[in-house]
Protein backbone atom coordinates (compact mmCIF):
# COMPACT_ATOMS: atom_id res chain seq x y z
CA LYS A 1 -31.25 0.35 -21.76
CA PRO A 2 -28.40 2.88 -21.74
CA PRO A 3 -26.40 3.51 -18.55
CA SER A 4 -27.51 6.54 -16.54
CA PHE A 5 -24.02 7.53 -15.28
CA GLY A 6 -25.54 8.81 -12.07
CA LEU A 7 -28.19 10.98 -13.69
CA LYS A 8 -31.33 11.27 -11.59
CA ASP A 9 -33.58 11.34 -14.61
CA GLU A 10 -32.67 8.51 -16.97
CA SER A 11 -35.07 9.91 -19.54
CA GLN A 12 -32.40 12.54 -20.21
CA VAL A 13 -30.10 9.88 -21.58
CA ASP A 14 -30.19 9.57 -25.35
CA PRO A 15 -29.72 5.92 -26.40
CA GLU A 16 -27.93 7.14 -29.51
CA LEU A 17 -25.26 8.62 -27.26
CA TYR A 18 -24.05 5.23 -26.22
CA TYR A 19 -25.15 2.75 -28.81
CA GLY A 20 -25.77 4.64 -32.05
CA GLU A 21 -22.23 4.71 -33.42
CA ALA A 22 -20.20 2.49 -31.11
CA PRO A 23 -18.78 -0.77 -32.46
CA GLU A 24 -20.97 -3.75 -31.59
CA ALA A 25 -18.31 -5.31 -29.36
CA VAL A 26 -18.07 -2.12 -27.28
CA VAL A 27 -21.85 -1.90 -27.07
CA GLN A 28 -22.14 -5.40 -25.70
CA GLY A 29 -19.35 -4.74 -23.23
CA ILE A 30 -21.09 -1.63 -21.90
CA LYS A 31 -24.42 -3.43 -21.56
CA GLU A 32 -22.78 -6.23 -19.61
CA MET A 33 -20.70 -4.03 -17.31
CA VAL A 34 -23.45 -1.60 -16.30
CA ARG A 35 -25.14 -4.50 -14.53
CA LYS A 36 -22.10 -4.96 -12.28
CA ASP A 37 -21.52 -2.54 -9.42
CA ASP A 38 -17.80 -3.15 -9.06
CA LEU A 39 -14.55 -1.36 -9.82
CA ILE A 40 -13.61 -3.66 -12.69
CA GLY A 41 -16.97 -3.04 -14.31
CA ARG A 42 -16.62 0.72 -13.96
CA ALA A 43 -13.09 0.55 -15.37
CA ARG A 44 -14.31 -1.27 -18.45
CA ILE A 45 -17.11 1.25 -18.95
CA ILE A 46 -14.65 4.14 -18.81
CA GLU A 47 -12.30 2.32 -21.19
CA ALA A 48 -15.13 1.82 -23.65
CA LEU A 49 -16.33 5.41 -23.37
CA SER A 50 -12.77 6.72 -23.74
CA ASP A 51 -12.54 4.92 -27.07
CA PHE A 52 -16.02 6.15 -27.97
CA VAL A 53 -15.34 9.87 -27.47
CA ALA A 54 -11.63 9.98 -28.36
CA GLY A 55 -11.21 12.42 -31.23
CA ASN A 56 -14.92 12.37 -32.06
CA LYS A 57 -16.60 15.76 -31.60
CA SER A 58 -20.08 14.38 -32.21
CA ASN A 59 -19.81 11.61 -29.64
CA ALA A 60 -18.19 13.94 -27.09
CA ALA A 61 -20.99 16.49 -27.59
CA ARG A 62 -23.63 13.83 -27.03
CA PHE A 63 -21.85 12.59 -23.93
CA ARG A 64 -21.70 16.11 -22.50
CA GLY A 65 -25.30 16.75 -23.51
CA ALA A 66 -26.45 13.79 -21.45
CA GLY A 67 -24.68 15.18 -18.37
CA GLY A 68 -21.77 12.75 -18.62
CA ALA A 69 -19.07 15.36 -18.05
CA ARG A 70 -20.80 16.55 -14.87
CA VAL A 71 -20.84 13.01 -13.53
CA LEU A 72 -17.15 12.53 -14.35
CA PHE A 73 -16.13 15.63 -12.43
CA GLY A 74 -18.11 14.33 -9.47
CA MET A 75 -16.15 11.08 -9.65
CA VAL A 76 -12.82 12.93 -9.25
CA ALA A 77 -13.54 13.43 -5.55
CA SER A 78 -13.56 9.68 -4.90
CA GLU A 79 -10.22 7.89 -4.71
CA GLU A 80 -11.80 4.72 -6.10
CA THR A 81 -13.05 6.37 -9.28
CA ARG A 82 -10.67 9.31 -9.71
CA ALA A 83 -8.16 7.71 -12.07
CA LEU A 84 -10.94 6.37 -14.29
CA ALA A 85 -12.72 9.71 -14.43
CA LEU A 86 -9.54 11.67 -15.16
CA LYS A 87 -8.73 9.39 -18.06
CA LEU A 88 -11.99 10.23 -19.79
CA ILE A 89 -11.84 13.91 -18.83
CA VAL A 90 -8.47 14.12 -20.59
CA GLN A 91 -10.04 12.67 -23.72
CA LEU A 92 -12.83 15.26 -23.60
CA ILE A 93 -10.41 18.16 -23.16
CA LEU A 94 -8.28 17.00 -26.08
CA ILE A 95 -11.22 17.28 -28.45
CA ASP A 96 -11.22 20.61 -30.27
CA SER A 97 -14.49 22.16 -29.11
CA PRO A 98 -15.63 25.23 -27.14
CA GLN A 99 -16.42 23.01 -24.15
CA SER A 100 -12.87 21.67 -23.91
CA GLN A 101 -11.57 24.84 -22.31
CA ASP A 102 -14.50 24.84 -19.89
CA ASP A 103 -13.67 21.27 -18.92
CA LEU A 104 -10.05 22.22 -18.24
CA SER A 105 -11.24 25.15 -16.14
CA THR A 106 -13.57 22.90 -14.14
CA LEU A 107 -10.78 20.40 -13.53
CA LEU A 108 -8.48 23.11 -12.20
CA GLU A 109 -11.27 24.55 -10.07
CA ILE A 110 -11.63 21.14 -8.41
CA MET A 111 -7.96 21.42 -7.53
CA ARG A 112 -8.43 24.96 -6.22
CA GLY A 113 -11.43 23.92 -4.13
CA SER A 114 -9.70 20.91 -2.54
CA PRO A 115 -8.25 21.25 0.98
CA PRO A 116 -4.61 22.43 1.04
CA THR A 117 -3.49 19.02 2.29
CA ALA A 118 -5.36 17.00 -0.34
CA TYR A 119 -2.05 16.20 -1.97
CA LYS A 120 -3.10 13.06 -3.75
CA VAL A 121 -6.09 14.42 -5.62
CA LYS A 122 -4.18 17.56 -6.55
CA SER A 123 -1.18 15.54 -7.74
CA GLU A 124 -3.38 13.35 -9.93
CA ILE A 125 -5.05 16.40 -11.48
CA LEU A 126 -1.63 17.90 -12.15
CA HIS A 127 -0.52 14.64 -13.74
CA SER A 128 -3.52 14.88 -16.06
CA CYS A 129 -2.34 18.36 -17.02
CA LEU A 130 1.04 16.89 -17.97
CA ASP A 131 -0.71 14.31 -20.15
CA LEU A 132 -2.69 17.09 -21.83
CA PHE A 133 0.41 19.21 -22.50
CA ALA A 134 2.21 16.24 -24.00
CA ALA A 135 -0.72 15.35 -26.25
CA LYS A 136 -1.57 18.81 -27.58
CA GLU A 137 0.52 21.98 -27.34
CA ILE A 138 -2.45 24.35 -27.55
CA VAL A 139 -3.67 23.10 -24.17
CA LYS A 140 -0.81 25.12 -22.69
CA ASP A 141 -2.46 28.29 -23.99
CA HIS A 142 -5.81 27.17 -22.63
CA PHE A 143 -4.13 26.49 -19.29
CA ARG A 144 -3.02 30.12 -19.16
CA GLU A 145 -6.42 31.43 -20.28
CA VAL A 146 -8.30 29.59 -17.51
CA GLN A 147 -5.92 30.95 -14.84
CA GLY A 148 -4.02 27.69 -14.55
CA PHE A 149 -0.82 29.41 -13.43
CA VAL A 150 -2.67 31.29 -10.70
CA ILE A 151 -4.35 28.12 -9.41
CA VAL A 152 -1.21 25.98 -9.43
CA ILE A 153 1.04 28.62 -7.87
CA SER A 154 -1.59 29.39 -5.23
CA SER A 155 -1.44 25.72 -4.20
CA LEU A 156 2.28 26.14 -3.62
CA VAL A 157 1.67 29.31 -1.61
CA ALA A 158 -0.98 27.53 0.47
CA LEU A 159 1.55 24.82 1.24
CA ALA A 160 4.02 27.44 2.44
CA ASP A 161 1.32 28.91 4.68
CA LEU A 162 0.74 25.49 6.22
CA ASP A 163 4.43 25.14 6.86
CA ARG A 164 4.58 28.46 8.68
CA SER A 165 1.59 27.52 10.83
CA GLY A 166 3.07 24.11 11.63
CA ASP A 167 0.05 22.26 10.25
CA VAL A 168 2.08 20.63 7.51
CA VAL A 169 3.88 18.52 10.13
CA ALA A 170 0.61 16.84 11.09
CA CYS A 171 -0.24 16.02 7.49
CA ASP A 172 0.68 13.12 5.30
CA ASN A 173 4.24 14.21 4.66
CA ASP A 174 4.79 11.34 2.25
CA GLY A 175 2.58 13.22 -0.17
CA VAL A 176 4.14 16.66 0.19
CA ILE A 177 7.34 16.18 -1.78
CA PRO A 178 5.69 14.38 -4.74
CA PHE A 179 3.05 17.12 -4.79
CA VAL A 180 5.63 19.91 -4.91
CA ARG A 181 7.55 18.03 -7.58
CA LYS A 182 4.38 17.68 -9.65
CA ILE A 183 3.69 21.42 -9.35
CA LEU A 184 7.17 22.22 -10.65
CA GLU A 185 6.82 19.70 -13.47
CA VAL A 186 3.53 21.24 -14.59
CA LEU A 187 4.88 24.80 -14.47
CA THR A 188 7.98 23.77 -16.42
CA ALA A 189 5.98 21.88 -19.04
CA ALA A 190 3.48 24.73 -19.42
CA LEU A 191 6.31 27.18 -20.13
CA ARG A 192 8.25 24.98 -22.53
CA ASN A 193 7.94 26.14 -26.17
CA CYS A 194 5.03 28.43 -25.29
CA PRO A 195 5.87 32.15 -25.75
CA GLY A 196 2.48 33.28 -24.42
CA ASN A 197 3.02 31.48 -21.14
CA MET A 198 6.59 32.75 -20.85
CA GLU A 199 5.34 36.30 -21.26
CA THR A 200 2.68 35.73 -18.60
CA MET A 201 5.24 34.49 -16.09
CA ARG A 202 7.52 37.47 -16.76
CA LYS A 203 4.70 39.79 -15.79
């Protein structure tokens, strides 16, 4: 029986999605781990699925079609599952398909919709953006097209607003400086060797 990945209706899950083309060793690992409700089990599932969809348009399309991407984005909100979910989301975005840009947009919208002081989740999403830029240059163009600069810079502005109101003092200040550093790293990386992004910032 294939894993449901949080889907309410398991009949929506196509067995071919998980078992049709995966190596037998991965298949057996998934079957074993879905029976265990623990972090290690979930980590192994994500590892297996990352290998399954990496660079494979067909497998990624089937995963999305079963609602897998939706479940992953829901996992980003939880600290326990965020790193695992982001790893697989990065793999999905790196696949050259029309949905990749939508996935990047959704990821950035999660960042936009998070509270101004949610430094950790925002920093981890920004780190994923750095991984994407390093892996594929065209993601920098996609970042611009989905309003990535607007979203990231607005997070910096929101932080300044908190500082003026005094609320930033009551927050987890240990996370502020790494967060600001991550913002600057993402903006710098997005501009590097990307004329389209440079032109956008000049405007």
